[in-house]
Protein backbone atom coordinates (compact mmCIF):
# COMPACT_ATOMS: atom_id res chain seq x y z
CA MET A 1 0.00 0.00 0.00
CA LEU A 2 1.42 3.33 -1.10
CA HIS A 3 -1.55 5.28 0.29
CA ARG A 4 -1.74 7.38 -2.86
CA TYR A 5 -5.34 7.65 -3.93
CA PRO A 6 -7.12 9.20 -6.92
CA LYS A 7 -7.77 12.92 -6.82
CA ARG A 8 -11.49 12.30 -6.41
CA VAL A 9 -10.79 11.06 -2.87
CA ALA A 10 -9.35 14.43 -1.87
CA VAL A 11 -12.19 16.25 -3.64
CA ILE A 12 -14.89 14.19 -1.92
CA MET A 13 -13.28 14.54 1.50
CA LEU A 14 -12.89 18.33 1.09
CA VAL A 15 -16.53 18.64 0.04
CA LEU A 16 -17.67 16.60 3.05
CA LEU A 17 -15.42 18.67 5.32
CA ALA A 18 -16.99 21.86 3.97
CA ILE A 19 -20.48 20.47 4.55
CA VAL A 20 -19.68 19.49 8.13
CA ALA A 21 -17.83 22.71 8.92
CA THR A 22 -20.71 24.88 7.71
CA PHE A 23 -23.36 22.98 9.69
CA PRO A 24 -23.93 25.93 12.09
CA LEU A 25 -24.99 27.94 9.02
CA TRP A 26 -27.44 25.53 7.39
CA GLY A 27 -28.29 23.32 10.36
CA PRO A 28 -30.95 25.60 11.95
CA THR A 29 -32.70 25.95 8.59
CA LEU A 30 -32.84 22.19 8.01
CA PHE A 31 -33.45 20.91 11.55
CA GLY A 32 -35.09 23.89 13.23
CA SER A 33 -35.34 23.48 17.00
CA GLN A 34 -33.42 20.18 16.78
CA SER A 35 -30.30 21.87 15.41
CA ASP A 36 -28.61 22.08 18.83
CA PHE A 37 -29.11 18.36 19.39
CA MET A 38 -27.85 17.58 15.90
CA LEU A 39 -24.77 19.73 16.55
CA GLU A 40 -24.01 17.62 19.63
CA LYS A 41 -24.52 14.47 17.58
CA LEU A 42 -22.24 15.78 14.85
CA THR A 43 -19.59 16.64 17.44
CA LEU A 44 -19.76 13.08 18.73
CA MET A 45 -19.29 11.76 15.19
CA VAL A 46 -16.18 13.89 14.78
CA ILE A 47 -14.75 12.55 18.06
CA LEU A 48 -15.50 8.94 17.13
CA ALA A 49 -13.92 9.50 13.72
CA LEU A 50 -10.65 10.44 15.46
CA PHE A 51 -10.98 7.33 17.64
CA ALA A 52 -11.57 5.14 14.58
CA MET A 53 -8.56 6.61 12.76
CA SER A 54 -6.32 5.73 15.70
CA LEU A 55 -7.42 2.10 15.56
CA ASP A 56 -6.94 2.01 11.79
CA LEU A 57 -3.24 2.65 12.32
CA LEU A 58 -3.07 -0.69 14.14
CA VAL A 59 -5.62 -2.78 12.25
CA GLY A 60 -5.44 -1.44 8.72
CA ILE A 61 -1.82 -0.29 8.46
CA VAL A 62 0.13 -2.66 10.72
CA GLY A 63 -2.31 -5.57 10.73
CA LEU A 64 -2.73 -5.81 14.52
CA VAL A 65 -6.39 -6.39 15.40
CA SER A 66 -7.01 -5.02 18.91
CA LEU A 67 -10.10 -5.57 21.04
CA GLY A 68 -8.71 -3.49 23.89
CA HIS A 69 -8.27 -0.15 22.15
CA ALA A 70 -10.99 1.35 24.34
CA LEU A 71 -8.48 1.12 27.19
CA PHE A 72 -6.78 4.27 25.89
CA PHE A 73 -10.06 5.96 24.98
CA GLY A 74 -11.29 5.56 28.54
CA LEU A 75 -7.88 6.39 29.98
CA GLY A 76 -7.96 9.78 28.25
CA ALA A 77 -11.43 10.44 29.67
CA TYR A 78 -10.47 9.48 33.23
CA THR A 79 -7.21 11.42 33.09
CA LEU A 80 -9.21 14.55 32.33
CA ALA A 81 -11.84 13.80 34.98
CA LEU A 82 -9.42 12.99 37.80
CA ALA A 83 -6.89 15.73 37.03
CA SER A 84 -9.43 18.55 36.62
CA PRO A 85 -9.99 20.93 39.57
CA ASP A 86 -13.33 20.62 41.33
CA PHE A 87 -14.50 24.22 41.03
CA ASP A 88 -12.38 25.70 38.24
CA PRO A 89 -11.74 24.74 34.62
CA ALA A 90 -8.42 23.09 33.88
CA SER A 91 -6.06 24.63 31.39
CA MET A 92 -5.86 22.89 28.03
CA TRP A 93 -2.20 23.98 27.84
CA TRP A 94 -1.25 21.35 30.42
CA MET A 95 -4.25 19.00 30.28
CA LEU A 96 -3.66 17.90 26.67
CA PRO A 97 0.06 17.13 27.23
CA LEU A 98 -0.87 15.29 30.44
CA VAL A 99 -3.39 13.09 28.63
CA MET A 100 -0.84 12.38 25.90
CA LEU A 101 1.87 11.56 28.44
CA VAL A 102 -0.29 9.24 30.55
CA SER A 103 -1.60 7.40 27.50
CA ALA A 104 1.86 7.12 25.95
CA VAL A 105 3.27 5.56 29.13
CA ALA A 106 0.32 3.17 29.40
CA ALA A 107 0.59 2.22 25.72
CA LEU A 108 4.33 1.67 26.10
CA VAL A 109 3.86 -0.65 29.09
CA VAL A 110 0.99 -2.58 27.52
CA GLY A 111 2.69 -2.64 24.13
CA LEU A 112 5.89 -4.13 25.53
CA LEU A 113 3.84 -7.02 26.87
CA VAL A 114 1.48 -7.67 23.96
CA ILE A 115 3.48 -6.73 20.87
CA ARG A 116 5.35 -10.04 20.84
CA THR A 117 2.11 -11.95 20.32
CA LYS A 118 0.38 -12.40 16.99
CA GLY A 119 -3.03 -13.21 15.58
CA ILE A 120 -5.66 -14.41 18.02
CA PHE A 121 -3.18 -14.17 20.89
CA PHE A 122 -2.70 -10.45 20.28
CA ILE A 123 -6.47 -9.97 20.16
CA MET A 124 -6.98 -11.80 23.46
CA THR A 125 -4.12 -10.10 25.31
CA THR A 126 -5.28 -6.61 24.32
CA LEU A 127 -8.81 -7.59 25.35
CA ALA A 128 -7.49 -8.85 28.69
CA PHE A 129 -5.65 -5.60 29.45
CA GLY A 130 -8.69 -3.55 28.52
CA GLN A 131 -10.96 -5.58 30.76
CA MET A 132 -8.49 -5.45 33.64
CA LEU A 133 -8.54 -1.67 33.62
CA TYR A 134 -12.33 -1.72 33.17
CA TYR A 135 -12.87 -3.78 36.33
CA LEU A 136 -10.23 -1.80 38.23
CA ILE A 137 -11.96 1.50 37.46
CA SER A 138 -15.42 0.02 38.10
CA THR A 139 -14.47 -0.95 41.65
CA ALA A 140 -12.14 1.94 42.54
CA PRO A 141 -13.65 4.49 44.98
CA PHE A 142 -11.38 7.27 43.70
CA ALA A 143 -12.81 6.79 40.20
CA GLY A 144 -16.44 6.87 41.31
CA GLY A 145 -17.04 3.17 40.76
CA THR A 146 -19.72 2.29 38.22
CA ASP A 147 -21.13 5.83 38.40
CA GLY A 148 -17.96 7.36 36.98
CA VAL A 149 -16.63 10.87 37.58
CA PHE A 150 -18.39 14.08 36.59
CA ILE A 151 -16.53 16.97 34.99
CA MET A 152 -17.89 20.31 36.13
CA PHE A 153 -16.01 22.50 33.64
CA ARG A 154 -14.45 21.94 30.26
CA PRO A 155 -10.78 22.90 30.04
CA ASP A 156 -10.19 26.41 28.74
CA VAL A 157 -7.54 27.90 26.49
CA THR A 158 -6.35 31.15 28.02
CA VAL A 159 -3.31 33.40 27.93
CA GLY A 160 -3.11 35.30 31.16
CA GLU A 161 -6.65 36.49 31.82
CA THR A 162 -7.68 36.41 28.16
CA ALA A 163 -9.73 33.41 26.97
CA LEU A 164 -8.65 32.42 23.47
CA VAL A 165 -11.15 29.59 23.08
CA ASP A 166 -14.43 29.29 24.97
CA MET A 167 -14.96 25.54 25.25
CA SER A 168 -18.30 26.00 26.99
CA ASP A 169 -19.78 27.27 23.73
CA PRO A 170 -21.09 24.27 21.70
CA HIS A 171 -20.08 25.80 18.36
CA THR A 172 -16.56 26.58 19.56
CA PHE A 173 -16.16 23.09 21.00
CA PHE A 174 -17.42 21.60 17.74
CA TYR A 175 -14.81 23.46 15.70
CA PHE A 176 -12.11 22.53 18.23
CA CYS A 177 -12.97 18.83 17.82
CA LEU A 178 -13.11 19.22 14.04
CA GLY A 179 -9.68 20.86 14.10
CA MET A 180 -8.29 17.96 16.14
CA LEU A 181 -9.75 15.50 13.61
CA VAL A 182 -8.18 17.32 10.67
CA ALA A 183 -4.84 17.55 12.49
CA GLY A 184 -4.97 13.82 13.31
CA PHE A 185 -5.81 12.95 9.71
CA LEU A 186 -2.98 15.05 8.28
CA PHE A 187 -0.55 13.56 10.78
CA LEU A 188 -1.52 9.99 9.93
CA ARG A 189 -1.41 10.74 6.18
CA TRP A 190 2.11 12.06 6.59
CA LEU A 191 3.08 9.14 8.81
CA THR A 192 1.79 6.43 6.46
CA ARG A 193 3.49 7.97 3.44
CA SER A 194 6.83 8.41 5.24
CA TYR A 195 9.67 5.89 5.47
CA PHE A 196 8.25 4.74 8.81
CA GLY A 197 4.87 4.11 7.18
CA GLN A 198 6.50 2.11 4.37
CA VAL A 199 8.11 -0.15 6.97
CA LEU A 200 4.71 -0.62 8.65
CA ASP A 201 3.25 -1.59 5.28
CA GLY A 202 6.04 -4.13 4.84
CA ILE A 203 5.31 -5.58 8.28
CA HIS A 204 1.64 -5.86 7.37
CA ASP A 205 2.40 -7.66 4.11
CA ASN A 206 5.23 -9.95 5.25
CA GLU A 207 6.82 -9.45 8.66
CA HIS A 208 9.28 -12.33 8.24
CA ARG A 209 10.69 -10.78 5.09
CA MET A 210 11.11 -7.42 6.86
CA GLN A 211 12.98 -9.18 9.65
CA ALA A 212 15.18 -10.88 7.08
CA LEU A 213 16.00 -7.44 5.66
CA GLY A 214 17.26 -6.38 9.08
CA TYR A 215 14.31 -4.40 10.44
CA ALA A 216 13.48 -4.65 14.16
CA THR A 217 9.78 -5.12 13.49
CA ASN A 218 8.76 -5.25 17.16
CA GLY A 219 10.16 -1.76 17.67
CA TYR A 220 8.20 -0.36 14.75
CA LYS A 221 5.02 -2.05 15.93
CA LEU A 222 5.55 -0.71 19.44
CA VAL A 223 5.90 2.87 18.18
CA ALA A 224 2.73 2.48 16.12
CA PHE A 225 0.95 1.04 19.16
CA VAL A 226 1.95 4.05 21.28
CA ILE A 227 0.89 6.55 18.60
CA ALA A 228 -2.48 4.84 18.23
CA GLY A 229 -2.96 4.85 22.00
CA VAL A 230 -2.20 8.57 22.27
CA LEU A 231 -4.66 9.47 19.49
CA ALA A 232 -7.33 7.30 21.10
CA ALA A 233 -6.74 9.00 24.46
CA ILE A 234 -7.16 12.43 22.87
CA ALA A 235 -10.48 11.26 21.45
CA GLY A 236 -11.45 9.96 24.89
CA MET A 237 -10.61 13.32 26.46
CA LEU A 238 -12.81 15.08 23.90
CA ALA A 239 -15.61 12.58 24.54
CA ALA A 240 -15.42 13.26 28.29
CA MET A 241 -15.61 16.98 27.56
CA GLN A 242 -18.64 16.33 25.36
CA TYR A 243 -20.49 14.10 27.83
CA GLY A 244 -19.39 15.90 30.99
CA PHE A 245 -18.27 12.71 32.73
CA ALA A 246 -16.01 9.68 32.47
CA ASN A 247 -17.67 6.28 32.81
CA PRO A 248 -16.29 2.71 32.95
CA ALA A 249 -18.37 1.89 29.86
CA GLN A 250 -15.86 3.91 27.85
CA LEU A 251 -13.25 1.27 28.75
CA GLY A 252 -15.34 -1.79 27.94
CA TRP A 253 -14.76 -4.29 25.16
CA HIS A 254 -18.01 -3.33 23.46
CA THR A 255 -16.59 0.15 22.83
CA SER A 256 -13.63 -1.47 21.09
CA GLY A 257 -16.05 -3.63 19.14
CA GLU A 258 -18.08 -0.64 17.99
CA VAL A 259 -15.07 1.25 16.70
CA LEU A 260 -13.90 -1.92 14.94
CA MET A 261 -17.28 -2.06 13.16
CA MET A 262 -16.73 1.54 12.07
CA LEU A 263 -13.49 0.42 10.44
CA ILE A 264 -15.21 -2.45 8.65
CA LEU A 265 -17.98 -0.17 7.44
CA GLY A 266 -15.65 2.61 6.30
CA GLY A 267 -12.71 0.64 4.97
CA MET A 268 -9.53 -0.41 6.75
CA GLY A 269 -6.05 0.80 5.89
CA THR A 270 -7.17 3.98 4.16
CA ILE A 271 -7.10 6.55 7.04
CA PHE A 272 -10.03 8.43 5.51
CA GLY A 273 -12.26 5.33 5.48
CA PRO A 274 -12.66 5.19 9.29
CA ILE A 275 -13.93 8.79 9.21
CA LEU A 276 -16.65 7.82 6.76
CA GLY A 277 -17.35 4.67 8.75
CA ALA A 278 -17.77 6.56 12.02
CA PHE A 279 -20.24 8.98 10.45
CA ALA A 280 -22.13 6.20 8.66
CA TYR A 281 -22.29 4.05 11.81
CA GLU A 282 -23.65 6.85 13.97
CA ILE A 283 -26.19 7.90 11.33
CA LEU A 284 -27.43 4.32 10.99
CA LEU A 285 -27.49 3.96 14.78
CA TYR A 286 -29.63 7.09 15.09
CA ILE A 287 -32.05 5.82 12.43
CA TYR A 288 -32.30 2.28 13.81
CA GLU A 289 -32.81 3.48 17.41
CA HIS A 290 -35.84 5.48 16.27
CA LEU A 291 -37.23 2.55 14.26
CA THR A 292 -37.20 -0.22 16.83
CA MET A 293 -35.95 -1.18 20.26
CA HIS A 294 -34.26 -4.17 18.62
CA TRP A 295 -31.85 -1.92 16.72
CA PRO A 296 -28.77 -4.13 17.45
CA ILE A 297 -30.25 -6.75 15.10
CA LEU A 298 -30.53 -4.22 12.29
CA MET A 299 -27.02 -2.93 12.95
CA GLY A 300 -25.63 -6.46 12.93
CA LEU A 301 -27.35 -7.28 9.65
CA THR A 302 -26.01 -4.03 8.18
CA ILE A 303 -22.43 -4.88 9.13
CA ILE A 304 -22.80 -8.39 7.69
CA ALA A 305 -24.18 -6.96 4.46
CA ALA A 306 -21.33 -4.45 4.33
CA VAL A 307 -18.77 -7.24 4.66
CA LEU A 308 -20.42 -9.25 1.87
CA VAL A 309 -21.24 -6.42 -0.54
CA LEU A 310 -18.49 -3.93 0.29
CA PRO A 311 -15.45 -5.95 1.41
CA ARG A 312 -13.29 -2.82 1.17
CA GLY A 313 -15.87 -0.62 2.84
CA ILE A 314 -17.14 2.75 1.72
CA ALA A 315 -13.60 3.84 0.96
CA GLY A 316 -13.22 1.00 -1.52
CA VAL A 317 -16.19 2.26 -3.52
CA ILE A 318 -14.61 5.72 -3.73
CA ILE A 319 -11.12 4.48 -4.61
CA ASP A 320 -12.26 1.90 -7.16
CA PRO A 321 -15.90 2.53 -8.20
CA PRO A 322 -17.77 -0.50 -9.58
CA TRP A 323 -18.53 1.24 -12.90
CA ARG A 324 -14.82 1.81 -13.48
CA ARG A 325 -14.10 -1.86 -12.80
CA LYS A 326 -16.76 -2.88 -15.33
CA ALA A 327 -15.27 -0.60 -17.97
CA THR A 328 -11.77 -1.98 -17.32
CA SER A 329 -12.94 -5.59 -17.48
CA ALA A 330 -14.79 -4.88 -20.73
CA GLU A 331 -11.61 -3.49 -22.29
CA GLU A 332 -9.61 -6.51 -21.14
CA GLU A 333 -12.16 -8.91 -22.64
CA GLU A 334 -11.78 -7.27 -26.05
CA THR A 335 -9.39 -9.47 -28.05
CA PRO A 336 -6.59 -8.20 -30.33
CA ASP A 337 -8.54 -9.56 -33.34
CA ASP A 338 -11.51 -7.45 -32.36
CA LYS A 339 -9.28 -4.39 -32.10
CA ALA A 340 -7.74 -5.15 -35.48
CA SER A 341 -11.13 -5.57 -37.13
CA ALA A 342 -12.21 -2.24 -35.66
CA ARG A 343 -9.37 -0.41 -37.51
CA PRO A 344 -10.17 1.29 -40.85
CA VAL A 345 -9.08 -0.69 -43.91
CA THR A 346 -6.46 1.07 -46.03
CA GLN A 347 -5.67 0.22 -49.64
CA SER A 348 -2.22 -1.08 -50.41
CA LYS A 349 0.06 1.03 -52.58
CA GLU A 350 1.68 -2.07 -54.06
CA GLY A 351 0.62 -3.42 -57.37
C-alpha cells in the first residue's frame, strides 16, 4: 500500500469537510429546533472519527487487530476527569500534554507485553488488558465506581486572563474537535506515506521478510501502538468533555467492538475510510434506534451486508468505483482480433 489515492478522494473529503464545517450555518434551517441536538450528535461523530482513525493505524496499516483499544479511549477520559480541579476549569495547555503523556506511558507498558504476540493471541491479550482496567476502574472508589466521575467545567484555552477559546460554547467546541480530527488525519497521512509508514506496510504484508531485511519489526510495531494509543486517548478526552463525565463503559470491550465495526464499514487501511465509517455508523445507529428497540439486530445485519457487498468498505467504492471496474474488465475482454477488425481498412500502394 502506497496510500496514494485518486484525486477524487481528496475532492470528496474536502466537500464533506466543507459540509460538516458549515453545519452551524445551514443546520438551523434544516433541523429547526433540533439543530442544537444535531450539533451535539455531529460533534460526537467527529470525536469517534478520530478514535476510529487511531485504531486504523493498528488494524489497517500494521495488521494488529485489537479488542482493547478502548483502554486508551477511557484512559484519556479518566485522566481529564481525575486531574481537573473541582471548582475551576483546567487549562488545556497542560491537560492535553498530560493526557498524551499518561496514554503514551500506558501504551508503552501494555505494548511491551502484547506486541510479541500475533493473531488471536494479540487480540486476546489486548482484550485482557482492557478488561483489567475496566474492572479496576469500576471498583475503585477514587474513580467513582460504576457511576464514573463528573466533569464540572471543560478545560479552557487562556493566555493570562484572556480566553482564546471558549470551550463552553457548543459551536466553539465543535470546531475545536473538528480541528483535532483534521490535524490527526494530516498527521496519519504524513506518517503512512513516510519511510516509517513504508516499513509498517512491509510488516503488514510480510513481517518475516522485513525481519530478514534487518528491520526490528517489534520496535516499529511498538511505536505504532503508542501513537495509536495517544490518538485514542485524545479522542477519549474530547468525549469526556462532550459528555461531561467519564464512565467505565468507555473502557469496555463493546466500545472497542463498535469502533472496529466503524473500520469495517468505512474501509480499513485507508485513514479516511474510518472517518466515513464513524459517520455512517452513527447515522445508521440514530435511524435504527428510532425505528425499533431491537436496533442491534438491524445494525448487525447491516455490518454483515457491508462485509459481503463492500469488502473494502465505503472507501473501496470511492477508490475503485464499480462502474470503473466494469469498464476496465470490458476493455480486457476485447481481443486483439476485435481491435484489429475495428481499424479502418487502407488500400495497399503495391501493385
